[in-house]
Amino acid sequence: MQFVVWLLLVCSLWFVSGCARTVTSIVPYGDQITVTATMRGTINVDSYRYFLVLSDSSSYKVPEPRPDIIEAAPEFIEPGGTPIIGTVEAYYANFFSTWSSYFVVNSSGYSRVMGPFVIGGTNTREVLSSIPDLNTKVLVFSCDLSKLFSTVPDQIYFDFVAVPWLDGEQTIPLDHLPSSNNSISKVAGSIKEVSDESDLALPAALDIIRVELKIE
C-alpha cells in the first residue's frame, strides 16, 4: 500500500512539472500606431502634402522622386484622383493595388484612408485631427490599427513621401525615405526610426530628416 501511495505521489509531481514546462508566454500586440515625422524646415500644408503609405506586403510600391520615377505613372496622386501624366490604370497597377492604407497631411489636418484601392471603388477619408501648430517642423499623429488594416499583419511596411501640391501642376514627389523597405512589428512597444540625409537642394519643408513609428 505504501508503495502505491509513493508511486502516485511521484506521478503527480511528474505531471505538475511537465505542465509547468509547457506554459508559453503571451505576446502583447499593439492596437495603435503613432507617427512622428520631422522635416528640415517648417511644414507648409498649403503648397505641399505629406503621405505615409502602409502595406501588409514587402513588395508594395510608392511613386518616388526623379530619377526613380515610373514613366507611365510619375506623379503621387491619391486613389480616385486624376493624374496630369499617365493613365489612372497605371497608377492602380503600379501603386494603389499594393497599399493597405495611407495617411495624408494637408490643410484639413491629419487624415487616414483605408483600402483596398480598386478602380471605381469608394474609400472613406477620415480626418483624425487638425494640426495644432502650423509653425512646426514636426508632424505627429496616431490611429487605431483596426482603421488601417482589415487584418493587422505581423510586419507593417511603410514609406513617407513629401510632395509639392499646387493646383494645375504635376505632383511628382521630391523626397521619401532612403528605402521603401521599412517595416515595424505589430508587437506592442515596437519602435522603428528611419533617418534621411538632408538635401539642401530641396525646399526645407519637403526635406525629410527622420520618421518614427511606434506601436502601442
Protein backbone atom coordinates (compact mmCIF):
# COMPACT_ATOMS: atom_id res chain seq x y z
CA MET A 1 0.00 0.00 0.00
CA GLN A 2 2.82 2.37 0.88
CA PHE A 3 4.42 1.61 -2.47
CA VAL A 4 1.20 2.54 -4.32
CA VAL A 5 0.95 5.84 -2.44
CA TRP A 6 4.60 6.59 -3.22
CA LEU A 7 4.06 5.81 -6.90
CA LEU A 8 1.02 8.07 -7.10
CA LEU A 9 2.98 10.89 -5.47
CA VAL A 10 5.84 10.53 -7.94
CA CYS A 11 3.43 10.52 -10.91
CA SER A 12 1.65 13.61 -9.59
CA LEU A 13 4.93 15.52 -9.26
CA TRP A 14 5.95 14.49 -12.75
CA PHE A 15 2.60 15.63 -14.17
CA VAL A 16 2.77 19.02 -12.43
CA SER A 17 6.36 19.67 -13.51
CA GLY A 18 5.53 18.60 -17.07
CA CYS A 19 2.65 21.07 -17.25
CA ALA A 20 4.88 23.85 -15.94
CA ARG A 21 7.30 23.29 -18.79
CA THR A 22 4.58 23.70 -21.44
CA VAL A 23 3.42 27.15 -20.33
CA THR A 24 4.08 29.71 -23.08
CA SER A 25 4.25 33.47 -22.73
CA ILE A 26 1.61 35.61 -24.43
CA VAL A 27 2.95 38.19 -26.89
CA PRO A 28 1.11 41.51 -26.45
CA TYR A 29 0.07 43.03 -29.77
CA GLY A 30 -0.48 46.77 -30.08
CA ASP A 31 -3.72 48.35 -31.23
CA GLN A 32 -2.49 51.85 -32.08
CA ILE A 33 0.23 53.37 -34.25
CA THR A 34 1.85 56.75 -33.58
CA VAL A 35 3.83 58.54 -36.28
CA THR A 36 6.36 61.32 -35.77
CA ALA A 37 7.87 62.89 -38.90
CA THR A 38 10.49 65.64 -38.76
CA MET A 39 11.25 67.96 -41.67
CA ARG A 40 14.27 70.25 -42.05
CA GLY A 41 12.05 73.32 -42.25
CA THR A 42 8.65 74.49 -41.08
CA ILE A 43 5.84 72.48 -42.69
CA ASN A 44 3.74 74.03 -45.44
CA VAL A 45 0.36 72.34 -45.86
CA ASP A 46 -0.88 74.94 -48.35
CA SER A 47 1.70 74.16 -51.03
CA TYR A 48 2.78 70.64 -50.07
CA ARG A 49 1.30 67.35 -48.91
CA TYR A 50 2.84 64.67 -46.74
CA PHE A 51 1.94 61.00 -47.08
CA LEU A 52 2.61 57.87 -45.03
CA VAL A 53 1.78 54.75 -47.03
CA LEU A 54 1.21 51.45 -45.17
CA SER A 55 1.13 47.94 -46.58
CA ASP A 56 0.98 44.34 -45.43
CA SER A 57 3.33 43.36 -48.27
CA SER A 58 7.06 43.95 -48.65
CA SER A 59 6.56 44.28 -52.41
CA TYR A 60 4.41 47.42 -52.19
CA LYS A 61 5.44 50.48 -54.19
CA VAL A 62 5.05 54.25 -53.96
CA PRO A 63 5.86 56.95 -56.53
CA GLU A 64 9.43 58.10 -55.98
CA PRO A 65 11.37 61.27 -56.84
CA ARG A 66 13.42 61.59 -60.01
CA PRO A 67 15.33 59.76 -61.38
CA ASP A 68 13.40 56.75 -59.98
CA ILE A 69 10.04 57.62 -61.47
CA ILE A 70 7.86 55.22 -63.43
CA GLU A 71 7.29 56.99 -66.75
CA ALA A 72 3.72 55.69 -67.07
CA ALA A 73 2.84 56.92 -63.56
CA PRO A 74 5.35 59.52 -62.28
CA GLU A 75 3.08 61.58 -60.01
CA PHE A 76 1.96 61.00 -56.46
CA ILE A 77 -1.81 61.22 -56.67
CA GLU A 78 -4.38 59.77 -54.31
CA PRO A 79 -6.64 56.85 -55.26
CA GLY A 80 -9.61 58.29 -57.12
CA GLY A 81 -7.57 61.28 -58.32
CA THR A 82 -6.81 62.23 -61.91
CA PRO A 83 -3.17 62.46 -62.99
CA ILE A 84 -1.74 65.08 -65.32
CA ILE A 85 0.72 62.49 -66.64
CA GLY A 86 -0.11 58.85 -67.25
CA THR A 87 -3.30 56.83 -67.01
CA VAL A 88 -5.40 56.03 -63.96
CA GLU A 89 -4.94 52.33 -64.71
CA ALA A 90 -1.14 52.69 -64.49
CA TYR A 91 -1.34 54.21 -61.01
CA TYR A 92 -3.56 51.44 -59.69
CA ALA A 93 -1.47 48.71 -61.30
CA ASN A 94 1.87 50.06 -60.08
CA PHE A 95 0.95 51.55 -56.71
CA PHE A 96 -2.55 51.63 -55.23
CA SER A 97 -3.21 47.90 -55.57
CA THR A 98 -0.24 47.25 -53.25
CA TRP A 99 -1.33 49.62 -50.47
CA SER A 100 -3.33 48.70 -47.37
CA SER A 101 -3.98 52.30 -46.27
CA TYR A 102 -2.36 55.71 -46.11
CA PHE A 103 -2.24 58.93 -44.12
CA VAL A 104 -2.27 62.35 -45.76
CA VAL A 105 -1.37 65.63 -44.09
CA ASN A 106 -2.73 68.78 -45.73
CA SER A 107 -4.59 71.98 -44.82
CA SER A 108 -7.50 69.88 -43.49
CA GLY A 109 -5.24 68.24 -40.93
CA TYR A 110 -4.26 64.61 -40.43
CA SER A 111 -6.42 62.16 -42.39
CA ARG A 112 -6.40 58.43 -42.99
CA VAL A 113 -7.80 56.41 -45.89
CA MET A 114 -8.17 52.63 -45.72
CA GLY A 115 -8.06 50.27 -48.71
CA PRO A 116 -8.40 48.12 -50.64
CA PHE A 117 -7.92 50.51 -53.54
CA VAL A 118 -9.52 49.46 -56.81
CA ILE A 119 -10.58 51.41 -59.88
CA GLY A 120 -14.11 52.66 -59.40
CA GLY A 121 -14.07 51.85 -55.71
CA THR A 122 -15.07 54.20 -52.90
CA ASN A 123 -12.76 54.73 -49.95
CA THR A 124 -13.72 56.70 -46.85
CA ARG A 125 -11.47 59.58 -45.85
CA GLU A 126 -11.47 60.31 -42.12
CA VAL A 127 -9.96 63.47 -40.66
CA LEU A 128 -8.24 62.36 -37.45
CA SER A 129 -7.37 65.81 -36.12
CA SER A 130 -6.37 69.31 -37.09
CA ILE A 131 -2.75 70.44 -36.94
CA PRO A 132 -2.48 72.34 -33.62
CA ASP A 133 0.57 74.37 -34.62
CA LEU A 134 1.50 75.18 -38.21
CA ASN A 135 4.75 76.81 -37.10
CA THR A 136 6.45 73.44 -36.59
CA LYS A 137 8.88 71.10 -38.27
CA VAL A 138 7.33 68.03 -36.66
CA LEU A 139 4.18 66.15 -37.65
CA VAL A 140 2.65 63.83 -35.03
CA PHE A 141 -0.48 61.72 -35.44
CA SER A 142 -1.97 58.46 -34.15
CA CYS A 143 -4.60 55.98 -35.28
CA ASP A 144 -6.07 52.62 -34.31
CA LEU A 145 -4.57 49.81 -36.38
CA SER A 146 -8.06 48.42 -36.95
CA LYS A 147 -8.77 51.53 -39.04
CA LEU A 148 -5.77 50.84 -41.25
CA PHE A 149 -5.90 47.07 -41.85
CA SER A 150 -8.74 44.59 -42.15
CA THR A 151 -6.33 42.11 -40.53
CA VAL A 152 -3.27 43.61 -38.87
CA PRO A 153 -0.16 41.90 -40.32
CA ASP A 154 2.80 40.72 -38.24
CA GLN A 155 5.01 43.23 -40.09
CA ILE A 156 3.78 46.62 -41.26
CA TYR A 157 5.66 48.09 -44.23
CA PHE A 158 5.78 51.84 -44.74
CA ASP A 159 7.22 54.82 -46.58
CA PHE A 160 6.87 58.55 -46.01
CA VAL A 161 6.68 60.83 -49.06
CA ALA A 162 6.76 64.63 -49.38
CA VAL A 163 5.05 66.09 -52.44
CA PRO A 164 4.64 69.60 -53.89
CA TRP A 165 0.89 70.17 -54.34
CA LEU A 166 -0.21 73.20 -56.37
CA ASP A 167 -3.39 73.42 -58.44
CA GLY A 168 -2.86 72.52 -62.07
CA GLU A 169 0.75 71.36 -61.59
CA GLN A 170 2.34 67.94 -61.63
CA THR A 171 2.63 66.27 -58.24
CA ILE A 172 5.93 64.45 -58.62
CA PRO A 173 7.45 63.60 -55.22
CA LEU A 174 10.58 65.43 -54.10
CA ASP A 175 11.58 63.32 -51.11
CA HIS A 176 10.90 59.97 -49.43
CA LEU A 177 12.74 57.68 -47.04
CA PRO A 178 16.09 56.27 -48.25
CA SER A 179 14.39 52.93 -48.93
CA SER A 180 10.82 51.71 -49.18
CA ASN A 181 11.89 48.52 -47.37
CA ASN A 182 10.93 49.84 -43.93
CA SER A 183 8.86 47.78 -41.54
CA ILE A 184 7.73 47.57 -37.92
CA SER A 185 6.35 44.67 -35.88
CA LYS A 186 2.80 44.81 -34.56
CA VAL A 187 4.08 43.78 -31.11
CA ALA A 188 3.27 46.43 -28.50
CA GLY A 189 6.26 48.58 -27.66
CA SER A 190 7.88 48.25 -31.08
CA ILE A 191 9.64 51.40 -32.31
CA LYS A 192 11.14 51.99 -35.75
CA GLU A 193 13.08 55.15 -36.60
CA VAL A 194 14.32 55.86 -40.12
CA SER A 195 16.66 58.79 -40.73
CA ASP A 196 17.17 60.55 -44.06
CA GLU A 197 20.15 62.67 -45.05
CA SER A 198 19.39 66.34 -45.51
CA ASP A 199 19.26 67.60 -49.09
CA LEU A 200 19.83 71.36 -49.23
CA ALA A 201 18.68 71.42 -52.85
CA LEU A 202 15.13 70.72 -51.68
CA PRO A 203 12.72 73.20 -50.12
CA ALA A 204 13.24 72.86 -46.35
CA ALA A 205 9.57 71.98 -45.79
CA LEU A 206 9.90 68.98 -48.14
CA ASP A 207 13.25 67.72 -46.83
CA ILE A 208 12.62 64.71 -44.57
CA ILE A 209 15.02 64.36 -41.63
CA ARG A 210 13.54 61.36 -39.80
CA VAL A 211 10.36 59.36 -39.34
CA GLU A 212 9.49 57.30 -36.27
CA LEU A 213 6.70 54.76 -35.91
CA LYS A 214 5.60 53.38 -32.55
CA ILE A 215 3.16 50.57 -31.79
CA GLU A 216 1.25 50.89 -28.50
